[in-house]
Amino acid sequence: MNMNINRVKIIVTIPPENVEEIRKTVCEAGAGVIGNYTYCTSITKSIGTFMPNDNANPYIGKNNKLEFVEEQKLEFVCDINRVRKVISKLREIHPYEEPAIDIVPLIDESYFK
């Protein structure tokens, strides 16, 4: 199996109040393009859990206490040559000290001829 990966899907969890700012930032950096459409994203409501240790500086919650917080997952596609720029811009404005960012390689449909 020999395939090139040209695009990825990036998934990041965000406090609801920060979603629009982050969506705008990543799309202006070149993410969220599908054919003739821009700003293509998807949002899913979720509940995130985490426990900051003594060295953490949490945006939400308290050190050494298990937290359950309402979040939203923002998903969008990104050309492989723009990933570094998009992730860099995302990290600059994301309120979390350690945002959860998934980068999933996508297989182009043409591979399945």
Protein backbone atom coordinates (compact mmCIF):
# COMPACT_ATOMS: atom_id res chain seq x y z
CA MET A 1 0.00 0.00 0.00
CA ASN A 2 1.63 3.24 -1.17
CA MET A 3 -0.32 6.43 -0.60
CA ASN A 4 0.43 10.07 -0.13
CA ILE A 5 -1.29 12.03 2.59
CA ASN A 6 -2.25 15.48 1.31
CA ARG A 7 -4.76 16.51 3.96
CA VAL A 8 -5.45 15.95 7.64
CA LYS A 9 -8.39 16.48 9.93
CA ILE A 10 -7.58 18.54 13.02
CA ILE A 11 -9.77 18.13 16.10
CA VAL A 12 -9.42 20.37 19.14
CA THR A 13 -11.48 20.77 22.31
CA ILE A 14 -12.33 24.33 23.28
CA PRO A 15 -14.37 26.15 25.92
CA PRO A 16 -17.63 27.25 24.22
CA GLU A 17 -16.83 30.95 24.64
CA ASN A 18 -13.63 30.59 22.56
CA VAL A 19 -14.95 28.60 19.59
CA GLU A 20 -15.68 31.48 17.21
CA GLU A 21 -12.31 33.16 17.77
CA ILE A 22 -10.44 29.89 17.17
CA ARG A 23 -12.58 28.96 14.13
CA LYS A 24 -11.85 32.34 12.55
CA THR A 25 -8.13 32.11 13.32
CA VAL A 26 -7.57 28.61 11.90
CA CYS A 27 -9.64 29.32 8.80
CA GLU A 28 -7.79 32.59 8.16
CA ALA A 29 -4.56 30.55 8.44
CA GLY A 30 -5.78 28.33 5.58
CA ALA A 31 -7.69 25.49 7.23
CA GLY A 32 -11.30 24.52 6.55
CA VAL A 33 -11.14 24.53 2.75
CA ILE A 34 -13.12 21.87 0.87
CA GLY A 35 -13.25 22.46 -2.87
CA ASN A 36 -14.90 25.84 -3.52
CA TYR A 37 -15.93 26.27 0.14
CA THR A 38 -14.06 27.93 2.99
CA TYR A 39 -14.68 28.04 6.75
CA CYS A 40 -15.80 24.38 6.63
CA THR A 41 -15.88 23.19 10.25
CA SER A 42 -17.94 20.98 12.50
CA ILE A 43 -18.71 21.41 16.20
CA THR A 44 -19.74 18.71 18.67
CA LYS A 45 -20.62 19.40 22.30
CA SER A 46 -18.65 17.29 24.75
CA ILE A 47 -17.69 16.90 28.38
CA GLY A 48 -13.97 17.00 29.05
CA THR A 49 -12.23 15.68 32.16
CA PHE A 50 -8.81 16.52 33.55
CA MET A 51 -6.89 16.86 36.80
CA PRO A 52 -4.19 19.55 36.86
CA ASN A 53 -1.15 18.60 38.92
CA ASP A 54 0.79 20.95 41.25
CA ASN A 55 2.84 22.36 38.35
CA ALA A 56 -0.15 23.23 36.16
CA ASN A 57 -1.67 26.65 35.68
CA PRO A 58 -5.22 25.69 34.67
CA TYR A 59 -7.52 28.03 32.73
CA ILE A 60 -10.47 26.22 34.32
CA GLY A 61 -10.50 24.27 37.59
CA LYS A 62 -8.17 23.77 40.51
CA ASN A 63 -4.94 21.85 40.95
CA ASN A 64 -5.28 18.22 42.09
CA LYS A 65 -9.07 18.23 41.62
CA LEU A 66 -10.79 16.16 38.93
CA GLU A 67 -12.74 18.54 36.71
CA PHE A 68 -15.70 17.89 34.39
CA VAL A 69 -16.23 20.78 31.96
CA GLU A 70 -18.47 21.49 29.02
CA GLU A 71 -16.39 21.86 25.88
CA GLN A 72 -16.87 21.85 22.16
CA LYS A 73 -14.86 19.83 19.66
CA LEU A 74 -13.97 21.88 16.61
CA GLU A 75 -13.08 19.75 13.57
CA PHE A 76 -11.72 20.93 10.23
CA VAL A 77 -9.63 19.70 7.32
CA CYS A 78 -6.24 21.16 6.49
CA ASP A 79 -3.81 20.75 3.61
CA ILE A 80 -0.64 19.07 4.86
CA ASN A 81 1.52 22.05 3.85
CA ARG A 82 -0.49 24.38 6.13
CA VAL A 83 -0.64 22.24 9.27
CA ARG A 84 2.32 23.83 11.09
CA LYS A 85 1.01 27.37 10.51
CA VAL A 86 -2.56 26.44 11.53
CA ILE A 87 -1.46 24.62 14.70
CA SER A 88 0.87 27.47 15.62
CA LYS A 89 -1.94 30.05 15.27
CA LEU A 90 -4.33 27.78 17.18
CA ARG A 91 -1.91 27.43 20.11
CA GLU A 92 -1.31 31.20 20.22
CA ILE A 93 -4.95 31.94 21.03
CA HIS A 94 -6.19 28.75 22.71
CA PRO A 95 -6.88 29.48 26.39
CA TYR A 96 -5.74 26.08 27.68
CA GLU A 97 -2.18 25.58 28.88
CA GLU A 98 -2.15 22.16 27.15
CA PRO A 99 -4.89 21.98 24.48
CA ALA A 100 -5.91 18.53 23.26
CA ILE A 101 -5.20 18.56 19.52
CA ASP A 102 -5.69 15.49 17.30
CA ILE A 103 -4.21 15.41 13.80
CA VAL A 104 -5.68 12.58 11.72
CA PRO A 105 -4.27 11.76 8.25
CA LEU A 106 -6.91 11.56 5.52
CA ILE A 107 -6.81 9.21 2.56
CA ASP A 108 -7.84 10.84 -0.71
CA GLU A 109 -10.87 9.27 -2.41
CA SER A 110 -8.87 8.75 -5.59
CA TYR A 111 -6.84 6.07 -3.77
CA PHE A 112 -9.91 3.77 -3.85
CA LYS A 113 -10.32 3.58 -7.65
